[in-house]
Amino acid sequence: MTAPVGGPVGDQGARELVVEADGGSRGNPGPAGYGALVRGVDGAVLAERAGYLGVATNNVAEYTGLLEGLRAAREVDPAARVRVRMDSRLVVEQMTGAWQIKHAALRAIATQARAVFPAGQVEYTWVPRAENSAADALANEAMDTREPRIVRDHATGPAGAGHATAEPGETLGARTDDEPGWRPSGAFSALDPADALTLVLVRHGVTPLTLVGGLSGGQVPGPPLTAEGRTQAARAADAIHRLREAWPDLPRPSHIAASPMVRTQEVAAAVGRRLGLPVTVDERLREMEFGDWESLTPAQVEERWPGDFERWFATGTFAPPGGESYEQVGVRVAAAIEDLRAAGTGRTVVVAGHAAMIRTVVGRALAMPPARWSSLRVPPCSLTILRYFSASTEVVTVAHPT
């Protein structure tokens, strides 16, 4: 084993945790998965994380394993000193600053990893592959099973106390519904869920245009998700699968609808695999059409059409040349939502869509004028949940899977 790199780690009196992380790709790029585990100083495994990433490179898978391992360690003890052990020389050297990170996708994951703990709490050590077999086995388990997220917690908390984990569909510590005055945690309202359509809107994940701030509309099929975007999609799918753990009164999703764009089809497919449901495509759910602005950044739009981007952003009624305004998109998308409502209540429908498209749904639900819709922030692969009753609409929550 090589000597550790990265310098002394945090408070020398703090608890020490070891993160072992790995990732692999069968084809590079090809079907990829990551694996990570957290150990105590006695070698006991406290937590395991793994997941299937779809098609990605070895390096993306390894970095994702690091990120998920650090996040698991933070859940065990955010004040701990952490020693990361990996057999990827690239990740170790880049995370310690010895080598530059030239690839944009890797830089994005590295930035997230550095934000999990203060720099002084983490130390990196390169180890031979034979000494990283447990993390490698988890990564291969993810690739074999194609499970988007595998979570096993054996112990947690600063004292390392035993930690119970819920079975699928079970909520730990939940009271029974025959107890007086009880409502499920996160309950939507006093209105009867059987009278409502619950809509779970999930935005697509990161694409190459997302990374550069380019306008990506509904007139062209692409671009597809990046490796990071596919990871986000898997996490969003898992979050949707687990919604009823927080809200037992939420009907199980029974229908998935999606925009026809490649990026939303990829997200819908991830959700469909997790829920065991087919996907229905609805052209009306496509993103705003940007016309001549397609693929351009706001700065490029401003250079060619001075003042028009601000007018589009601020009014909600101004359309790009050859494109659509927020108001026009709102009318189109509202027709699709009304058809979903007409198809029946007492059910949950998942819709894979886009930022501007989702803003119009929320804006109309809150009776906001189109000029305000652009102020609603919809991060990649965030979940926006609404409940439509016959006489009212609730915007329940906006959540970003981690």
Protein backbone atom coordinates (compact mmCIF):
# COMPACT_ATOMS: atom_id res chain seq x y z
CA MET A 1 0.00 0.00 0.00
CA THR A 2 1.24 3.45 -0.77
CA ALA A 3 1.50 6.14 1.86
CA PRO A 4 -1.60 8.27 2.29
CA VAL A 5 -1.80 11.53 0.39
CA GLY A 6 -3.73 14.65 1.22
CA GLY A 7 -2.21 15.59 4.58
CA PRO A 8 -3.53 15.39 8.13
CA VAL A 9 -7.26 14.94 8.51
CA GLY A 10 -9.45 17.12 10.73
CA ASP A 11 -9.70 16.92 14.52
CA GLN A 12 -7.28 14.25 15.67
CA GLY A 13 -9.67 13.36 18.50
CA ALA A 14 -12.59 12.74 16.13
CA ARG A 15 -13.94 9.36 15.17
CA GLU A 16 -12.19 7.77 12.18
CA LEU A 17 -14.01 6.19 9.25
CA VAL A 18 -12.65 4.43 6.18
CA VAL A 19 -14.33 4.76 2.77
CA GLU A 20 -13.55 2.13 0.15
CA ALA A 21 -14.87 3.02 -3.31
CA ASP A 22 -14.69 1.66 -6.83
CA GLY A 23 -16.51 1.67 -10.14
CA GLY A 24 -16.40 -0.17 -13.41
CA SER A 25 -17.64 -0.14 -16.99
CA ARG A 26 -18.05 -3.17 -19.20
CA GLY A 27 -16.92 -1.58 -22.44
CA ASN A 28 -15.58 1.81 -21.30
CA PRO A 29 -17.97 3.33 -22.11
CA GLY A 30 -20.48 0.59 -21.50
CA PRO A 31 -22.85 -0.70 -18.82
CA ALA A 32 -21.38 0.80 -15.64
CA GLY A 33 -21.83 0.65 -11.89
CA TYR A 34 -20.27 1.96 -8.71
CA GLY A 35 -19.72 0.52 -5.25
CA ALA A 36 -18.66 2.00 -1.92
CA LEU A 37 -18.61 1.01 1.72
CA VAL A 38 -17.85 2.69 5.02
CA ARG A 39 -15.89 0.91 7.73
CA GLY A 40 -15.04 1.72 11.32
CA VAL A 41 -11.42 1.55 12.47
CA ASP A 42 -12.08 -2.02 13.63
CA GLY A 43 -12.92 -2.99 10.04
CA ALA A 44 -16.64 -3.46 10.66
CA VAL A 45 -18.79 -2.46 7.69
CA LEU A 46 -21.17 0.34 8.70
CA ALA A 47 -22.76 1.17 5.34
CA GLU A 48 -22.78 -0.03 1.72
CA ARG A 49 -23.78 1.87 -1.40
CA ALA A 50 -23.95 0.74 -5.03
CA GLY A 51 -25.82 1.59 -8.18
CA TYR A 52 -26.14 1.02 -11.90
CA LEU A 53 -25.31 4.06 -14.07
CA GLY A 54 -26.39 2.91 -17.51
CA VAL A 55 -23.73 3.54 -20.16
CA ALA A 56 -20.76 5.40 -18.67
CA THR A 57 -16.97 5.28 -18.47
CA ASN A 58 -14.79 3.66 -15.81
CA ASN A 59 -13.71 7.07 -14.55
CA VAL A 60 -17.26 8.35 -14.14
CA ALA A 61 -18.17 5.16 -12.28
CA GLU A 62 -15.13 5.44 -9.98
CA TYR A 63 -15.84 9.09 -9.18
CA THR A 64 -19.49 8.28 -8.50
CA GLY A 65 -18.39 5.53 -6.10
CA LEU A 66 -16.23 8.07 -4.27
CA LEU A 67 -19.09 10.57 -4.05
CA GLU A 68 -21.58 8.01 -2.74
CA GLY A 69 -19.04 6.63 -0.27
CA LEU A 70 -18.38 10.08 1.18
CA ARG A 71 -22.10 10.77 1.43
CA ALA A 72 -22.60 7.49 3.29
CA ALA A 73 -19.75 8.38 5.68
CA ARG A 74 -21.36 11.75 6.37
CA GLU A 75 -24.59 9.96 7.26
CA VAL A 76 -22.66 7.82 9.75
CA ASP A 77 -20.82 10.76 11.37
CA PRO A 78 -20.45 14.21 9.79
CA ALA A 79 -17.68 15.11 12.24
CA ALA A 80 -15.54 12.05 11.49
CA ARG A 81 -12.05 11.99 10.03
CA VAL A 82 -12.34 10.07 6.74
CA ARG A 83 -9.67 8.00 5.02
CA VAL A 84 -10.55 7.18 1.42
CA ARG A 85 -8.98 4.05 -0.07
CA MET A 86 -9.23 3.53 -3.85
CA ASP A 87 -7.37 1.60 -6.51
CA SER A 88 -7.91 4.37 -9.07
CA ARG A 89 -4.67 6.32 -9.31
CA LEU A 90 -6.48 8.91 -11.43
CA VAL A 91 -9.12 9.70 -8.79
CA VAL A 92 -6.62 9.80 -5.92
CA GLU A 93 -4.17 12.06 -7.72
CA GLN A 94 -6.87 14.38 -9.01
CA MET A 95 -8.72 14.67 -5.70
CA THR A 96 -5.49 15.60 -3.93
CA GLY A 97 -4.67 18.24 -6.55
CA ALA A 98 -1.62 16.50 -7.96
CA TRP A 99 -3.25 16.10 -11.36
CA GLN A 100 -5.68 18.39 -13.15
CA ILE A 101 -9.24 17.27 -13.88
CA LYS A 102 -9.70 18.07 -17.55
CA HIS A 103 -12.98 16.23 -18.21
CA ALA A 104 -16.06 18.37 -17.45
CA ALA A 105 -18.20 15.50 -16.18
CA LEU A 106 -15.47 14.34 -13.79
CA ARG A 107 -14.94 17.90 -12.55
CA ALA A 108 -18.64 18.14 -11.76
CA ILE A 109 -18.61 14.94 -9.68
CA ALA A 110 -15.32 15.92 -8.00
CA THR A 111 -16.82 19.26 -6.99
CA GLN A 112 -19.74 17.47 -5.36
CA ALA A 113 -17.37 15.06 -3.59
CA ARG A 114 -15.23 17.89 -2.17
CA ALA A 115 -18.36 19.55 -0.80
CA VAL A 116 -19.41 16.54 1.31
CA PHE A 117 -16.77 17.11 4.02
CA PRO A 118 -14.44 20.01 4.79
CA ALA A 119 -11.12 19.40 3.01
CA GLY A 120 -9.24 18.93 6.29
CA GLN A 121 -11.37 15.94 7.26
CA VAL A 122 -10.55 13.73 4.24
CA GLU A 123 -7.37 11.88 3.32
CA TYR A 124 -6.81 9.81 0.16
CA THR A 125 -4.79 6.60 -0.18
CA TRP A 126 -4.12 4.58 -3.33
CA VAL A 127 -4.28 0.81 -2.78
CA PRO A 128 -3.73 -2.16 -5.11
CA ARG A 129 -6.89 -3.62 -6.68
CA ALA A 130 -6.65 -6.72 -4.49
CA GLU A 131 -7.10 -4.53 -1.41
CA ASN A 132 -10.27 -2.95 -2.80
CA SER A 133 -12.20 -6.15 -3.57
CA ALA A 134 -15.23 -5.34 -1.39
CA ALA A 135 -16.02 -2.11 -3.26
CA ASP A 136 -15.33 -3.84 -6.58
CA ALA A 137 -17.81 -6.59 -5.67
CA LEU A 138 -20.49 -3.99 -4.93
CA ALA A 139 -19.89 -2.28 -8.28
CA ASN A 140 -20.22 -5.62 -10.06
CA GLU A 141 -23.39 -6.40 -8.12
CA ALA A 142 -24.88 -3.15 -9.43
CA MET A 143 -23.86 -3.96 -13.00
CA ASP A 144 -25.24 -7.50 -12.73
CA THR A 145 -28.58 -6.56 -11.16
CA ARG A 146 -28.91 -3.15 -12.87
CA GLU A 147 -30.39 -1.80 -9.66
CA PRO A 148 -30.17 2.02 -9.81
CA ARG A 149 -29.49 2.32 -6.08
CA ILE A 150 -28.50 -0.25 -3.44
CA VAL A 151 -28.45 1.00 0.15
CA ARG A 152 -27.47 -1.10 3.16
CA ASP A 153 -26.94 0.55 6.53
CA HIS A 154 -25.53 -1.69 9.26
CA ALA A 155 -24.82 0.97 11.88
CA THR A 156 -24.96 4.72 12.01
CA GLY A 157 -24.69 7.77 14.24
CA PRO A 158 -21.63 9.17 16.03
CA ALA A 159 -21.74 6.38 18.58
CA GLY A 160 -22.13 3.63 15.97
CA ALA A 161 -25.42 2.42 17.39
CA GLY A 162 -27.37 -0.22 15.54
CA HIS A 163 -29.64 1.13 12.83
CA ALA A 164 -32.90 -0.46 11.71
CA THR A 165 -33.73 -0.24 8.02
CA ALA A 166 -37.24 -0.22 6.60
CA GLU A 167 -38.43 -2.88 4.21
CA PRO A 168 -39.87 -1.58 0.91
CA GLY A 169 -43.17 0.16 1.59
CA GLU A 170 -42.63 0.27 5.38
CA THR A 171 -42.23 3.50 7.32
CA LEU A 172 -40.16 3.18 10.50
CA GLY A 173 -41.85 4.50 13.60
CA ALA A 174 -45.19 5.01 11.88
CA ARG A 175 -48.31 4.94 14.02
CA THR A 176 -51.30 2.93 12.85
CA ASP A 177 -54.13 4.74 11.14
CA ASP A 178 -56.65 3.75 13.82
CA GLU A 179 -54.96 5.99 16.41
CA PRO A 180 -57.08 9.08 17.16
CA GLY A 181 -56.06 12.23 15.32
CA TRP A 182 -53.33 10.53 13.28
CA ARG A 183 -52.47 11.58 9.74
CA PRO A 184 -49.57 10.11 7.78
CA SER A 185 -46.29 12.02 7.96
CA GLY A 186 -46.22 14.50 5.10
CA ALA A 187 -49.96 14.15 4.56
CA PHE A 188 -51.22 16.37 1.81
CA SER A 189 -54.41 17.81 3.32
CA ALA A 190 -57.69 16.96 5.00
CA LEU A 191 -59.25 16.33 1.57
CA ASP A 192 -59.87 12.75 0.51
CA PRO A 193 -56.97 11.39 -1.64
CA ALA A 194 -59.47 9.25 -3.53
CA ASP A 195 -60.92 12.45 -5.01
CA ALA A 196 -57.59 13.67 -6.38
CA LEU A 197 -55.12 13.09 -9.16
CA THR A 198 -51.58 13.23 -7.79
CA LEU A 199 -49.04 14.38 -10.35
CA VAL A 200 -45.31 13.79 -9.87
CA LEU A 201 -43.37 15.95 -12.32
CA VAL A 202 -39.73 14.98 -12.79
CA ARG A 203 -37.40 17.13 -14.87
CA HIS A 204 -34.76 15.46 -17.02
CA GLY A 205 -31.16 15.25 -15.79
CA VAL A 206 -28.05 17.04 -17.00
CA THR A 207 -27.29 17.09 -20.74
CA PRO A 208 -24.29 18.57 -22.58
CA LEU A 209 -26.35 21.73 -23.21
CA THR A 210 -27.33 21.96 -19.53
CA LEU A 211 -23.65 22.08 -18.59
CA VAL A 212 -22.98 25.11 -20.83
CA GLY A 213 -26.30 26.87 -20.21
CA GLY A 214 -27.57 26.35 -23.75
CA LEU A 215 -31.27 26.58 -24.61
CA SER A 216 -32.57 23.09 -25.35
CA GLY A 217 -36.10 23.13 -26.72
CA GLY A 218 -38.84 20.92 -28.05
CA GLN A 219 -38.11 21.14 -31.77
CA VAL A 220 -35.14 18.73 -31.84
CA PRO A 221 -35.01 15.25 -30.27
CA GLY A 222 -31.65 15.61 -28.51
CA PRO A 223 -29.42 15.98 -26.71
CA PRO A 224 -29.25 12.83 -24.52
CA LEU A 225 -28.32 12.76 -20.85
CA THR A 226 -24.70 12.80 -19.78
CA ALA A 227 -23.37 10.10 -17.43
CA GLU A 228 -24.11 12.46 -14.55
CA GLY A 229 -27.62 12.94 -15.91
CA ARG A 230 -28.19 9.19 -15.99
CA THR A 231 -27.07 8.97 -12.37
CA GLN A 232 -29.53 11.74 -11.50
CA ALA A 233 -32.29 9.87 -13.34
CA ALA A 234 -31.62 6.69 -11.35
CA ARG A 235 -31.78 8.64 -8.09
CA ALA A 236 -35.00 10.34 -9.13
CA ALA A 237 -36.51 6.96 -10.03
CA ASP A 238 -35.56 5.62 -6.61
CA ALA A 239 -37.01 8.69 -4.89
CA ILE A 240 -40.31 8.19 -6.72
CA HIS A 241 -40.30 4.51 -5.79
CA ARG A 242 -39.91 5.45 -2.11
CA LEU A 243 -42.44 8.30 -1.94
CA ARG A 244 -44.97 6.23 -0.06
CA GLU A 245 -42.51 5.66 2.78
CA ALA A 246 -42.92 9.34 3.61
CA TRP A 247 -46.57 9.63 2.50
CA PRO A 248 -48.46 6.37 3.04
CA ASP A 249 -51.68 7.99 1.78
CA LEU A 250 -50.12 8.54 -1.66
CA PRO A 251 -51.54 6.09 -4.24
CA ARG A 252 -48.88 3.97 -5.88
CA PRO A 253 -47.88 5.38 -9.30
CA SER A 254 -49.91 3.61 -11.96
CA HIS A 255 -49.03 5.58 -15.10
CA ILE A 256 -45.94 7.25 -16.59
CA ALA A 257 -46.24 9.92 -19.29
CA ALA A 258 -43.29 11.61 -20.94
CA SER A 259 -42.24 14.23 -23.41
CA PRO A 260 -40.93 12.75 -26.68
CA MET A 261 -37.44 14.26 -26.24
CA VAL A 262 -34.50 11.85 -25.84
CA ARG A 263 -33.52 13.19 -22.41
CA THR A 264 -37.01 12.79 -20.94
CA GLN A 265 -37.42 9.36 -22.51
CA GLU A 266 -34.24 8.27 -20.71
CA VAL A 267 -35.59 9.53 -17.37
CA ALA A 268 -39.01 7.96 -17.96
CA ALA A 269 -37.33 4.64 -18.82
CA ALA A 270 -35.38 4.73 -15.53
CA VAL A 271 -38.59 5.41 -13.61
CA GLY A 272 -40.43 2.72 -15.56
CA ARG A 273 -37.78 0.11 -14.73
CA ARG A 274 -37.94 1.02 -11.04
CA LEU A 275 -41.75 0.96 -10.89
CA GLY A 276 -42.36 -1.83 -13.40
CA LEU A 277 -44.55 0.40 -15.57
CA PRO A 278 -44.63 1.20 -19.31
CA VAL A 279 -44.18 4.76 -20.59
CA THR A 280 -46.72 6.72 -22.65
CA VAL A 281 -45.41 9.51 -24.90
CA ASP A 282 -47.39 12.74 -25.19
CA GLU A 283 -46.18 15.32 -27.73
CA ARG A 284 -47.88 18.11 -25.76
CA LEU A 285 -45.43 17.59 -22.89
CA ARG A 286 -42.40 18.59 -24.98
CA GLU A 287 -40.24 21.51 -23.90
CA MET A 288 -40.79 25.09 -25.05
CA GLU A 289 -39.77 25.59 -28.68
CA PHE A 290 -36.92 28.10 -28.83
CA GLY A 291 -36.93 28.52 -32.60
CA ASP A 292 -33.86 30.41 -33.81
CA TRP A 293 -32.47 30.42 -30.27
CA GLU A 294 -32.12 26.64 -30.13
CA SER A 295 -28.79 25.51 -28.57
CA LEU A 296 -27.62 29.10 -27.99
CA THR A 297 -26.60 30.48 -24.59
CA PRO A 298 -28.32 33.60 -23.19
CA ALA A 299 -25.19 35.61 -23.98
CA GLN A 300 -25.29 34.49 -27.61
CA VAL A 301 -29.00 35.34 -27.83
CA GLU A 302 -28.32 38.81 -26.39
CA GLU A 303 -25.54 39.38 -28.90
CA ARG A 304 -27.77 38.57 -31.88
CA TRP A 305 -31.14 39.83 -30.57
CA PRO A 306 -30.33 42.61 -28.06
CA GLY A 307 -32.97 42.88 -25.34
CA ASP A 308 -35.10 39.99 -26.55
CA PHE A 309 -33.93 37.40 -24.02
CA GLU A 310 -34.85 39.69 -21.13
CA ARG A 311 -38.21 40.36 -22.78
CA TRP A 312 -38.88 36.63 -23.13
CA PHE A 313 -37.81 35.99 -19.53
CA ALA A 314 -39.77 38.87 -17.99
CA THR A 315 -43.07 38.95 -19.85
CA GLY A 316 -44.13 35.34 -20.35
CA THR A 317 -45.88 36.40 -23.56
CA PHE A 318 -42.88 37.16 -25.80
CA ALA A 319 -41.84 34.32 -28.14
CA PRO A 320 -38.38 33.79 -29.66
CA PRO A 321 -38.33 34.01 -33.48
CA GLY A 322 -39.83 30.76 -34.70
CA GLY A 323 -40.52 29.63 -31.13
CA GLU A 324 -43.08 29.75 -28.32
CA SER A 325 -43.82 32.00 -25.36
CA TYR A 326 -44.39 30.69 -21.83
CA GLU A 327 -48.09 31.48 -22.25
CA GLN A 328 -48.33 29.37 -25.40
CA VAL A 329 -46.52 26.45 -23.76
CA GLY A 330 -48.85 26.72 -20.77
CA VAL A 331 -51.94 26.29 -22.95
CA ARG A 332 -50.44 23.28 -24.74
CA VAL A 333 -49.31 21.51 -21.55
CA ALA A 334 -52.53 22.31 -19.69
CA ALA A 335 -54.48 20.32 -22.29
CA ALA A 336 -52.34 17.25 -21.56
CA ILE A 337 -52.82 17.66 -17.79
CA GLU A 338 -56.58 18.02 -18.22
CA ASP A 339 -56.66 14.73 -20.14
CA LEU A 340 -54.79 13.03 -17.27
CA ARG A 341 -57.32 14.44 -14.80
CA ALA A 342 -60.23 13.31 -16.94
CA ALA A 343 -58.84 9.76 -16.99
CA GLY A 344 -59.58 9.33 -13.28
CA THR A 345 -58.77 10.31 -9.71
CA GLY A 346 -57.45 8.32 -6.77
CA ARG A 347 -54.22 7.64 -8.65
CA THR A 348 -50.67 8.91 -9.04
CA VAL A 349 -49.21 9.76 -12.44
CA VAL A 350 -45.51 10.41 -13.09
CA VAL A 351 -44.68 12.90 -15.86
CA ALA A 352 -41.13 13.19 -17.21
CA GLY A 353 -40.70 16.70 -18.57
CA HIS A 354 -38.67 19.88 -18.81
CA ALA A 355 -37.93 23.02 -16.82
CA ALA A 356 -40.09 25.50 -18.75
CA MET A 357 -42.84 22.92 -19.20
CA ILE A 358 -42.95 22.21 -15.45
CA ARG A 359 -42.91 25.93 -14.63
CA THR A 360 -46.11 26.38 -16.63
CA VAL A 361 -47.86 23.59 -14.71
CA VAL A 362 -46.86 24.99 -11.32
CA GLY A 363 -47.52 28.57 -12.39
CA ARG A 364 -51.05 27.77 -13.47
CA ALA A 365 -51.67 25.70 -10.32
CA LEU A 366 -50.67 28.70 -8.17
CA ALA A 367 -52.64 31.13 -10.34
CA MET A 368 -49.46 33.03 -11.15
CA PRO A 369 -49.38 35.26 -14.23
CA PRO A 370 -47.11 34.02 -17.05
CA ALA A 371 -44.70 36.87 -16.31
CA ARG A 372 -43.83 35.13 -13.02
CA TRP A 373 -43.40 31.59 -14.30
CA SER A 374 -39.74 32.03 -15.23
CA SER A 375 -38.95 32.79 -11.56
CA LEU A 376 -39.69 29.18 -10.55
CA ARG A 377 -36.49 27.15 -10.22
CA VAL A 378 -36.65 23.54 -11.42
CA PRO A 379 -33.26 21.78 -10.93
CA PRO A 380 -32.25 18.76 -13.03
CA CYS A 381 -34.17 15.62 -11.97
CA SER A 382 -36.06 17.47 -9.22
CA LEU A 383 -39.52 16.24 -8.25
CA THR A 384 -42.48 18.63 -8.17
CA ILE A 385 -45.62 17.09 -6.69
CA LEU A 386 -49.14 18.43 -7.19
CA ARG A 387 -52.54 17.15 -6.15
CA TYR A 388 -55.57 18.08 -8.23
CA PHE A 389 -58.94 18.02 -6.46
CA SER A 390 -62.23 18.87 -8.16
CA ALA A 391 -62.29 22.41 -6.77
CA SER A 392 -58.68 23.12 -5.83
CA THR A 393 -55.07 22.28 -6.60
CA GLU A 394 -52.23 21.79 -4.12
CA VAL A 395 -48.56 22.21 -4.91
CA VAL A 396 -47.23 19.83 -2.29
CA THR A 397 -43.48 20.01 -2.41
CA VAL A 398 -40.45 20.48 -4.58
CA ALA A 399 -37.73 17.92 -3.89
CA HIS A 400 -34.24 17.33 -5.27
CA PRO A 401 -32.98 13.70 -4.91
CA THR A 402 -29.51 13.44 -3.38
